[in-house]
Amino acid sequence: MGKTIRIKILDHEYLIRTDEEEEEVQSIAQFVNEKFREVTEKTDGLSDRKRAILVAFDIASDYFQMRKACDNLRMDIENRARVLNSRLDDIVQ
């Protein structure tokens, strides 16, 4: 692993050792921070541990939705490519 980057989540500082660019790491930290704030606004009185689990679940949910969207897009592109290849074959023959 490369450089150490200091991030701040919920007023706590953490050191992250990574090969990623600092701007990318800071963007991820900001995203996590925003998710914590969203969960905190919706859930009053939860422990930090339970709040962290809800945040992790929310982020995982976003990830799975994006993965499904990417899979659907890939299938659509493959289908369109098959149709175009078939049309090209018909033209060339």
PDB file of N, CA and C in Angstrom:
ATOM      1  N   MET A   1       0.845  -1.181   0.000  1.00  0.00           N
ATOM      2  CA  MET A   1       0.000   0.000   0.000  1.00  0.00           C
ATOM      3  C   MET A   1       0.889   1.243   0.000  1.00  0.00           C
ATOM      4  N   GLY A   2       0.357   2.289  -0.561  1.00  0.00           N
ATOM      5  CA  GLY A   2       1.119   3.505  -0.785  1.00  0.00           C
ATOM      6  C   GLY A   2       1.049   4.515   0.330  1.00  0.00           C
ATOM      7  N   LYS A   3       0.506   5.653   0.007  1.00  0.00           N
ATOM      8  CA  LYS A   3       0.515   6.802   0.910  1.00  0.00           C
ATOM      9  C   LYS A   3      -0.579   6.723   1.972  1.00  0.00           C
ATOM     10  N   THR A   4      -0.387   7.522   3.017  1.00  0.00           N
ATOM     11  CA  THR A   4      -1.378   7.619   4.076  1.00  0.00           C
ATOM     12  C   THR A   4      -2.152   8.914   3.895  1.00  0.00           C
ATOM     13  N   ILE A   5      -3.481   8.800   3.957  1.00  0.00           N
ATOM     14  CA  ILE A   5      -4.349   9.960   3.763  1.00  0.00           C
ATOM     15  C   ILE A   5      -5.228  10.110   4.994  1.00  0.00           C
ATOM     16  N   ARG A   6      -5.355  11.326   5.459  1.00  0.00           N
ATOM     17  CA  ARG A   6      -6.190  11.627   6.622  1.00  0.00           C
ATOM     18  C   ARG A   6      -7.588  11.998   6.138  1.00  0.00           C
ATOM     19  N   ILE A   7      -8.587  11.279   6.689  1.00  0.00           N
ATOM     20  CA  ILE A   7      -9.978  11.594   6.361  1.00  0.00           C
ATOM     21  C   ILE A   7     -10.718  11.901   7.650  1.00  0.00           C
ATOM     22  N   LYS A   8     -11.893  12.497   7.500  1.00  0.00           N
ATOM     23  CA  LYS A   8     -12.711  12.837   8.660  1.00  0.00           C
ATOM     24  C   LYS A   8     -14.136  12.357   8.420  1.00  0.00           C
ATOM     25  N   ILE A   9     -14.621  11.520   9.331  1.00  0.00           N
ATOM     26  CA  ILE A   9     -15.988  11.018   9.266  1.00  0.00           C
ATOM     27  C   ILE A   9     -16.623  11.230  10.630  1.00  0.00           C
ATOM     28  N   LEU A  10     -17.743  11.944  10.641  1.00  0.00           N
ATOM     29  CA  LEU A  10     -18.458  12.268  11.881  1.00  0.00           C
ATOM     30  C   LEU A  10     -17.532  12.861  12.941  1.00  0.00           C
ATOM     31  N   ASP A  11     -16.775  13.837  12.538  1.00  0.00           N
ATOM     32  CA  ASP A  11     -15.887  14.574  13.433  1.00  0.00           C
ATOM     33  C   ASP A  11     -14.776  13.729  14.043  1.00  0.00           C
ATOM     34  N   HIS A  12     -14.520  12.551  13.482  1.00  0.00           N
ATOM     35  CA  HIS A  12     -13.395  11.711  13.907  1.00  0.00           C
ATOM     36  C   HIS A  12     -12.436  11.596  12.738  1.00  0.00           C
ATOM     37  N   GLU A  13     -11.147  11.730  13.048  1.00  0.00           N
ATOM     38  CA  GLU A  13     -10.150  11.612  11.988  1.00  0.00           C
ATOM     39  C   GLU A  13      -9.611  10.191  11.933  1.00  0.00           C
ATOM     40  N   TYR A  14      -9.376   9.737  10.695  1.00  0.00           N
ATOM     41  CA  TYR A  14      -8.833   8.409  10.456  1.00  0.00           C
ATOM     42  C   TYR A  14      -7.713   8.523   9.438  1.00  0.00           C
ATOM     43  N   LEU A  15      -6.726   7.660   9.579  1.00  0.00           N
ATOM     44  CA  LEU A  15      -5.659   7.571   8.595  1.00  0.00           C
ATOM     45  C   LEU A  15      -5.917   6.352   7.728  1.00  0.00           C
ATOM     46  N   ILE A  16      -5.925   6.566   6.430  1.00  0.00           N
ATOM     47  CA  ILE A  16      -6.177   5.501   5.465  1.00  0.00           C
ATOM     48  C   ILE A  16      -4.919   5.318   4.638  1.00  0.00           C
ATOM     49  N   ARG A  17      -4.419   4.091   4.589  1.00  0.00           N
ATOM     50  CA  ARG A  17      -3.263   3.789   3.739  1.00  0.00           C
ATOM     51  C   ARG A  17      -3.803   3.201   2.432  1.00  0.00           C
ATOM     52  N   THR A  18      -3.438   3.841   1.316  1.00  0.00           N
ATOM     53  CA  THR A  18      -4.030   3.463   0.032  1.00  0.00           C
ATOM     54  C   THR A  18      -3.119   3.822  -1.134  1.00  0.00           C
ATOM     55  N   ASP A  19      -3.397   3.200  -2.261  1.00  0.00           N
ATOM     56  CA  ASP A  19      -2.732   3.550  -3.519  1.00  0.00           C
ATOM     57  C   ASP A  19      -3.589   4.513  -4.339  1.00  0.00           C
ATOM     58  N   GLU A  20      -4.805   4.764  -3.881  1.00  0.00           N
ATOM     59  CA  GLU A  20      -5.725   5.654  -4.580  1.00  0.00           C
ATOM     60  C   GLU A  20      -5.277   7.114  -4.433  1.00  0.00           C
ATOM     61  N   GLU A  21      -5.775   7.928  -5.353  1.00  0.00           N
ATOM     62  CA  GLU A  21      -5.497   9.361  -5.283  1.00  0.00           C
ATOM     63  C   GLU A  21      -6.254   9.979  -4.107  1.00  0.00           C
ATOM     64  N   GLU A  22      -5.667  11.000  -3.499  1.00  0.00           N
ATOM     65  CA  GLU A  22      -6.284  11.618  -2.324  1.00  0.00           C
ATOM     66  C   GLU A  22      -7.671  12.165  -2.634  1.00  0.00           C
ATOM     67  N   GLU A  23      -7.835  12.757  -3.791  1.00  0.00           N
ATOM     68  CA  GLU A  23      -9.133  13.324  -4.159  1.00  0.00           C
ATOM     69  C   GLU A  23     -10.215  12.238  -4.165  1.00  0.00           C
ATOM     70  N   GLU A  24      -9.880  11.069  -4.683  1.00  0.00           N
ATOM     71  CA  GLU A  24     -10.834   9.950  -4.716  1.00  0.00           C
ATOM     72  C   GLU A  24     -11.166   9.479  -3.294  1.00  0.00           C
ATOM     73  N   VAL A  25     -10.153   9.358  -2.457  1.00  0.00           N
ATOM     74  CA  VAL A  25     -10.359   8.914  -1.076  1.00  0.00           C
ATOM     75  C   VAL A  25     -11.210   9.925  -0.318  1.00  0.00           C
ATOM     76  N   GLN A  26     -10.953  11.203  -0.518  1.00  0.00           N
ATOM     77  CA  GLN A  26     -11.742  12.240   0.145  1.00  0.00           C
ATOM     78  C   GLN A  26     -13.192  12.219  -0.335  1.00  0.00           C
ATOM     79  N   SER A  27     -13.389  11.941  -1.621  1.00  0.00           N
ATOM     80  CA  SER A  27     -14.757  11.837  -2.153  1.00  0.00           C
ATOM     81  C   SER A  27     -15.502  10.669  -1.511  1.00  0.00           C
ATOM     82  N   ILE A  28     -14.819   9.552  -1.344  1.00  0.00           N
ATOM     83  CA  ILE A  28     -15.432   8.388  -0.694  1.00  0.00           C
ATOM     84  C   ILE A  28     -15.765   8.716   0.756  1.00  0.00           C
ATOM     85  N   ALA A  29     -14.830   9.360   1.447  1.00  0.00           N
ATOM     86  CA  ALA A  29     -15.076   9.740   2.847  1.00  0.00           C
ATOM     87  C   ALA A  29     -16.263  10.684   2.947  1.00  0.00           C
ATOM     88  N   GLN A  30     -16.377  11.611   2.029  1.00  0.00           N
ATOM     89  CA  GLN A  30     -17.507  12.544   2.023  1.00  0.00           C
ATOM     90  C   GLN A  30     -18.816  11.792   1.780  1.00  0.00           C
ATOM     91  N   PHE A  31     -18.784  10.827   0.876  1.00  0.00           N
ATOM     92  CA  PHE A  31     -19.966  10.008   0.599  1.00  0.00           C
ATOM     93  C   PHE A  31     -20.404   9.257   1.856  1.00  0.00           C
ATOM     94  N   VAL A  32     -19.459   8.621   2.540  1.00  0.00           N
ATOM     95  CA  VAL A  32     -19.763   7.884   3.768  1.00  0.00           C
ATOM     96  C   VAL A  32     -20.301   8.834   4.829  1.00  0.00           C
ATOM     97  N   ASN A  33     -19.684   9.985   4.944  1.00  0.00           N
ATOM     98  CA  ASN A  33     -20.130  10.997   5.907  1.00  0.00           C
ATOM     99  C   ASN A  33     -21.579  11.412   5.631  1.00  0.00           C
ATOM    100  N   GLU A  34     -21.907  11.626   4.365  1.00  0.00           N
ATOM    101  CA  GLU A  34     -23.269  12.009   3.997  1.00  0.00           C
ATOM    102  C   GLU A  34     -24.262  10.898   4.333  1.00  0.00           C
ATOM    103  N   LYS A  35     -23.874   9.652   4.092  1.00  0.00           N
ATOM    104  CA  LYS A  35     -24.740   8.525   4.435  1.00  0.00           C
ATOM    105  C   LYS A  35     -24.982   8.480   5.947  1.00  0.00           C
ATOM    106  N   PHE A  36     -23.932   8.723   6.732  1.00  0.00           N
ATOM    107  CA  PHE A  36     -24.092   8.756   8.186  1.00  0.00           C
ATOM    108  C   PHE A  36     -25.068   9.856   8.589  1.00  0.00           C
ATOM    109  N   ARG A  37     -24.938  11.014   7.988  1.00  0.00           N
ATOM    110  CA  ARG A  37     -25.838  12.118   8.324  1.00  0.00           C
ATOM    111  C   ARG A  37     -27.289  11.792   7.955  1.00  0.00           C
ATOM    112  N   GLU A  38     -27.493  11.165   6.794  1.00  0.00           N
ATOM    113  CA  GLU A  38     -28.842  10.768   6.382  1.00  0.00           C
ATOM    114  C   GLU A  38     -29.448   9.791   7.387  1.00  0.00           C
ATOM    115  N   VAL A  39     -28.679   8.796   7.769  1.00  0.00           N
ATOM    116  CA  VAL A  39     -29.171   7.792   8.714  1.00  0.00           C
ATOM    117  C   VAL A  39     -29.414   8.423  10.076  1.00  0.00           C
ATOM    118  N   THR A  40     -28.535   9.327  10.485  1.00  0.00           N
ATOM    119  CA  THR A  40     -28.673   9.983  11.783  1.00  0.00           C
ATOM    120  C   THR A  40     -29.953  10.814  11.836  1.00  0.00           C
ATOM    121  N   GLU A  41     -30.277  11.492  10.732  1.00  0.00           N
ATOM    122  CA  GLU A  41     -31.498  12.303  10.686  1.00  0.00           C
ATOM    123  C   GLU A  41     -32.753  11.444  10.803  1.00  0.00           C
ATOM    124  N   LYS A  42     -32.701  10.223  10.263  1.00  0.00           N
ATOM    125  CA  LYS A  42     -33.874   9.344  10.249  1.00  0.00           C
ATOM    126  C   LYS A  42     -34.007   8.501  11.519  1.00  0.00           C
ATOM    127  N   THR A  43     -32.905   8.287  12.197  1.00  0.00           N
ATOM    128  CA  THR A  43     -32.914   7.375  13.354  1.00  0.00           C
ATOM    129  C   THR A  43     -32.324   8.089  14.554  1.00  0.00           C
ATOM    130  N   ASP A  44     -33.172   8.402  15.481  1.00  0.00           N
ATOM    131  CA  ASP A  44     -32.724   9.100  16.683  1.00  0.00           C
ATOM    132  C   ASP A  44     -32.508   8.094  17.810  1.00  0.00           C
ATOM    133  N   GLY A  45     -31.432   8.240  18.541  1.00  0.00           N
ATOM    134  CA  GLY A  45     -31.209   7.427  19.720  1.00  0.00           C
ATOM    135  C   GLY A  45     -30.558   6.082  19.479  1.00  0.00           C
ATOM    136  N   LEU A  46     -30.072   5.822  18.263  1.00  0.00           N
ATOM    137  CA  LEU A  46     -29.388   4.562  18.014  1.00  0.00           C
ATOM    138  C   LEU A  46     -27.933   4.643  18.439  1.00  0.00           C
ATOM    139  N   SER A  47     -27.378   3.516  18.802  1.00  0.00           N
ATOM    140  CA  SER A  47     -25.953   3.466  19.132  1.00  0.00           C
ATOM    141  C   SER A  47     -25.141   3.668  17.855  1.00  0.00           C
ATOM    142  N   ASP A  48     -23.889   4.059  18.010  1.00  0.00           N
ATOM    143  CA  ASP A  48     -23.019   4.246  16.846  1.00  0.00           C
ATOM    144  C   ASP A  48     -22.878   2.949  16.056  1.00  0.00           C
ATOM    145  N   ARG A  49     -22.832   1.829  16.762  1.00  0.00           N
ATOM    146  CA  ARG A  49     -22.686   0.531  16.106  1.00  0.00           C
ATOM    147  C   ARG A  49     -23.897   0.243  15.216  1.00  0.00           C
ATOM    148  N   LYS A  50     -25.100   0.431  15.747  1.00  0.00           N
ATOM    149  CA  LYS A  50     -26.301   0.183  14.952  1.00  0.00           C
ATOM    150  C   LYS A  50     -26.402   1.159  13.792  1.00  0.00           C
ATOM    151  N   ARG A  51     -26.012   2.386  14.036  1.00  0.00           N
ATOM    152  CA  ARG A  51     -26.028   3.387  12.974  1.00  0.00           C
ATOM    153  C   ARG A  51     -25.041   2.989  11.866  1.00  0.00           C
ATOM    154  N   ALA A  52     -23.864   2.504  12.256  1.00  0.00           N
ATOM    155  CA  ALA A  52     -22.861   2.073  11.275  1.00  0.00           C
ATOM    156  C   ALA A  52     -23.367   0.889  10.450  1.00  0.00           C
ATOM    157  N   ILE A  53     -24.098  -0.016  11.101  1.00  0.00           N
ATOM    158  CA  ILE A  53     -24.662  -1.153  10.366  1.00  0.00           C
ATOM    159  C   ILE A  53     -25.693  -0.669   9.360  1.00  0.00           C
ATOM    160  N   LEU A  54     -26.541   0.277   9.742  1.00  0.00           N
ATOM    161  CA  LEU A  54     -27.526   0.829   8.805  1.00  0.00           C
ATOM    162  C   LEU A  54     -26.845   1.543   7.642  1.00  0.00           C
ATOM    163  N   VAL A  55     -25.784   2.263   7.924  1.00  0.00           N
ATOM    164  CA  VAL A  55     -25.038   2.951   6.867  1.00  0.00           C
ATOM    165  C   VAL A  55     -24.427   1.928   5.914  1.00  0.00           C
ATOM    166  N   ALA A  56     -23.817   0.884   6.471  1.00  0.00           N
ATOM    167  CA  ALA A  56     -23.220  -0.160   5.635  1.00  0.00           C
ATOM    168  C   ALA A  56     -24.291  -0.820   4.765  1.00  0.00           C
ATOM    169  N   PHE A  57     -25.445  -1.084   5.343  1.00  0.00           N
ATOM    170  CA  PHE A  57     -26.539  -1.692   4.590  1.00  0.00           C
ATOM    171  C   PHE A  57     -27.021  -0.758   3.486  1.00  0.00           C
ATOM    172  N   ASP A  58     -27.123   0.514   3.782  1.00  0.00           N
ATOM    173  CA  ASP A  58     -27.565   1.499   2.791  1.00  0.00           C
ATOM    174  C   ASP A  58     -26.575   1.583   1.632  1.00  0.00           C
ATOM    175  N   ILE A  59     -25.288   1.608   1.952  1.00  0.00           N
ATOM    176  CA  ILE A  59     -24.252   1.658   0.910  1.00  0.00           C
ATOM    177  C   ILE A  59     -24.274   0.369   0.093  1.00  0.00           C
ATOM    178  N   ALA A  60     -24.425  -0.775   0.753  1.00  0.00           N
ATOM    179  CA  ALA A  60     -24.489  -2.054   0.042  1.00  0.00           C
ATOM    180  C   ALA A  60     -25.712  -2.093  -0.873  1.00  0.00           C
ATOM    181  N   SER A  61     -26.829  -1.547  -0.412  1.00  0.00           N
ATOM    182  CA  SER A  61     -28.035  -1.493  -1.228  1.00  0.00           C
ATOM    183  C   SER A  61     -27.795  -0.663  -2.485  1.00  0.00           C
ATOM    184  N   ASP A  62     -27.156   0.489  -2.322  1.00  0.00           N
ATOM    185  CA  ASP A  62     -26.811   1.324  -3.482  1.00  0.00           C
ATOM    186  C   ASP A  62     -25.923   0.550  -4.453  1.00  0.00           C
ATOM    187  N   TYR A  63     -24.934  -0.151  -3.901  1.00  0.00           N
ATOM    188  CA  TYR A  63     -24.001  -0.924  -4.714  1.00  0.00           C
ATOM    189  C   TYR A  63     -24.737  -1.988  -5.528  1.00  0.00           C
ATOM    190  N   PHE A  64     -25.622  -2.746  -4.875  1.00  0.00           N
ATOM    191  CA  PHE A  64     -26.346  -3.805  -5.570  1.00  0.00           C
ATOM    192  C   PHE A  64     -27.285  -3.236  -6.631  1.00  0.00           C
ATOM    193  N   GLN A  65     -27.895  -2.100  -6.366  1.00  0.00           N
ATOM    194  CA  GLN A  65     -28.752  -1.464  -7.375  1.00  0.00           C
ATOM    195  C   GLN A  65     -27.931  -1.045  -8.590  1.00  0.00           C
ATOM    196  N   MET A  66     -26.751  -0.476  -8.341  1.00  0.00           N
ATOM    197  CA  MET A  66     -25.881  -0.061  -9.447  1.00  0.00           C
ATOM    198  C   MET A  66     -25.367  -1.275 -10.219  1.00  0.00           C
ATOM    199  N   ARG A  67     -25.038  -2.337  -9.510  1.00  0.00           N
ATOM    200  CA  ARG A  67     -24.559  -3.554 -10.156  1.00  0.00           C
ATOM    201  C   ARG A  67     -25.654  -4.140 -11.053  1.00  0.00           C
ATOM    202  N   LYS A  68     -26.892  -4.139 -10.560  1.00  0.00           N
ATOM    203  CA  LYS A  68     -28.010  -4.642 -11.356  1.00  0.00           C
ATOM    204  C   LYS A  68     -28.212  -3.774 -12.593  1.00  0.00           C
ATOM    205  N   ALA A  69     -28.126  -2.451 -12.418  1.00  0.00           N
ATOM    206  CA  ALA A  69     -28.268  -1.539 -13.555  1.00  0.00           C
ATOM    207  C   ALA A  69     -27.163  -1.781 -14.579  1.00  0.00           C
ATOM    208  N   CYS A  70     -25.947  -2.012 -14.126  1.00  0.00           N
ATOM    209  CA  CYS A  70     -24.826  -2.287 -15.039  1.00  0.00           C
ATOM    210  C   CYS A  70     -25.041  -3.606 -15.773  1.00  0.00           C
ATOM    211  N   ASP A  71     -25.515  -4.632 -15.055  1.00  0.00           N
ATOM    212  CA  ASP A  71     -25.796  -5.922 -15.693  1.00  0.00           C
ATOM    213  C   ASP A  71     -26.873  -5.769 -16.759  1.00  0.00           C
ATOM    214  N   ASN A  72     -27.928  -5.016 -16.440  1.00  0.00           N
ATOM    215  CA  ASN A  72     -28.994  -4.782 -17.412  1.00  0.00           C
ATOM    216  C   ASN A  72     -28.483  -4.031 -18.634  1.00  0.00           C
ATOM    217  N   LEU A  73     -27.644  -3.036 -18.406  1.00  0.00           N
ATOM    218  CA  LEU A  73     -27.072  -2.274 -19.511  1.00  0.00           C
ATOM    219  C   LEU A  73     -26.174  -3.159 -20.372  1.00  0.00           C
ATOM    220  N   ARG A  74     -25.359  -4.001 -19.726  1.00  0.00           N
ATOM    221  CA  ARG A  74     -24.476  -4.900 -20.470  1.00  0.00           C
ATOM    222  C   ARG A  74     -25.300  -5.869 -21.333  1.00  0.00           C
ATOM    223  N   MET A  75     -26.378  -6.423 -20.780  1.00  0.00           N
ATOM    224  CA  MET A  75     -27.238  -7.324 -21.548  1.00  0.00           C
ATOM    225  C   MET A  75     -27.878  -6.598 -22.725  1.00  0.00           C
ATOM    226  N   ASP A  76     -28.320  -5.354 -22.502  1.00  0.00           N
ATOM    227  CA  ASP A  76     -28.919  -4.561 -23.571  1.00  0.00           C
ATOM    228  C   ASP A  76     -27.904  -4.309 -24.687  1.00  0.00           C
ATOM    229  N   ILE A  77     -26.683  -3.959 -24.313  1.00  0.00           N
ATOM    230  CA  ILE A  77     -25.630  -3.704 -25.307  1.00  0.00           C
ATOM    231  C   ILE A  77     -25.307  -4.981 -26.082  1.00  0.00           C
ATOM    232  N   GLU A  78     -25.209  -6.108 -25.366  1.00  0.00           N
ATOM    233  CA  GLU A  78     -24.932  -7.385 -26.044  1.00  0.00           C
ATOM    234  C   GLU A  78     -26.048  -7.743 -27.024  1.00  0.00           C
ATOM    235  N   ASN A  79     -27.301  -7.532 -26.605  1.00  0.00           N
ATOM    236  CA  ASN A  79     -28.430  -7.817 -27.501  1.00  0.00           C
ATOM    237  C   ASN A  79     -28.411  -6.919 -28.725  1.00  0.00           C
ATOM    238  N   ARG A  80     -28.147  -5.656 -28.523  1.00  0.00           N
ATOM    239  CA  ARG A  80     -28.090  -4.725 -29.662  1.00  0.00           C
ATOM    240  C   ARG A  80     -26.938  -5.076 -30.594  1.00  0.00           C
ATOM    241  N   ALA A  81     -25.811  -5.480 -30.008  1.00  0.00           N
ATOM    242  CA  ALA A  81     -24.654  -5.869 -30.825  1.00  0.00           C
ATOM    243  C   ALA A  81     -24.987  -7.106 -31.662  1.00  0.00           C
ATOM    244  N   ARG A  82     -25.705  -8.074 -31.086  1.00  0.00           N
ATOM    245  CA  ARG A  82     -26.116  -9.267 -31.833  1.00  0.00           C
ATOM    246  C   ARG A  82     -27.019  -8.879 -33.014  1.00  0.00           C
ATOM    247  N   VAL A  83     -27.974  -7.996 -32.737  1.00  0.00           N
ATOM    248  CA  VAL A  83     -28.883  -7.558 -33.796  1.00  0.00           C
ATOM    249  C   VAL A  83     -28.106  -6.856 -34.904  1.00  0.00           C
ATOM    250  N   LEU A  84     -27.197  -5.970 -34.524  1.00  0.00           N
ATOM    251  CA  LEU A  84     -26.400  -5.256 -35.536  1.00  0.00           C
ATOM    252  C   LEU A  84     -25.508  -6.217 -36.313  1.00  0.00           C
ATOM    253  N   ASN A  85     -24.896  -7.170 -35.632  1.00  0.00           N
ATOM    254  CA  ASN A  85     -24.062  -8.157 -36.326  1.00  0.00           C
ATOM    255  C   ASN A  85     -24.891  -8.980 -37.302  1.00  0.00           C
ATOM    256  N   SER A  86     -26.087  -9.338 -36.883  1.00  0.00           N
ATOM    257  CA  SER A  86     -26.976 -10.106 -37.758  1.00  0.00           C
ATOM    258  C   SER A  86     -27.340  -9.287 -39.003  1.00  0.00           C
ATOM    259  N   ARG A  87     -27.646  -8.017 -38.806  1.00  0.00           N
ATOM    260  CA  ARG A  87     -27.976  -7.144 -39.937  1.00  0.00           C
ATOM    261  C   ARG A  87     -26.787  -6.981 -40.882  1.00  0.00           C
ATOM    262  N   LEU A  88     -25.593  -6.827 -40.295  1.00  0.00           N
ATOM    263  CA  LEU A  88     -24.385  -6.704 -41.121  1.00  0.00           C
ATOM    264  C   LEU A  88     -24.138  -7.992 -41.896  1.00  0.00           C
ATOM    265  N   ASP A  89     -24.345  -9.137 -41.245  1.00  0.00           N
ATOM    266  CA  ASP A  89     -24.174 -10.402 -41.953  1.00  0.00           C
ATOM    267  C   ASP A  89     -25.128 -10.510 -43.124  1.00  0.00           C
ATOM    268  N   ASP A  90     -26.389 -10.062 -42.909  1.00  0.00           N
ATOM    269  CA  ASP A  90     -27.377 -10.102 -43.989  1.00  0.00           C
ATOM    270  C   ASP A  90     -26.966  -9.198 -45.159  1.00  0.00           C
ATOM    271  N   ILE A  91     -26.383  -8.059 -44.868  1.00  0.00           N
ATOM    272  CA  ILE A  91     -25.974  -7.111 -45.900  1.00  0.00           C
ATOM    273  C   ILE A  91     -24.771  -7.653 -46.679  1.00  0.00           C
ATOM    274  N   VAL A  92     -23.813  -8.236 -45.950  1.00  0.00           N
ATOM    275  CA  VAL A  92     -22.573  -8.709 -46.564  1.00  0.00           C
ATOM    276  C   VAL A  92     -22.846  -9.934 -47.431  1.00  0.00           C
ATOM    277  N   GLN A  93     -23.782 -10.759 -47.082  1.00  0.00           N
ATOM    278  CA  GLN A  93     -24.040 -11.989 -47.853  1.00  0.00           C
ATOM    279  C   GLN A  93     -24.773 -11.719 -49.087  1.00  0.00           C
TER     280      GLN A  93
END
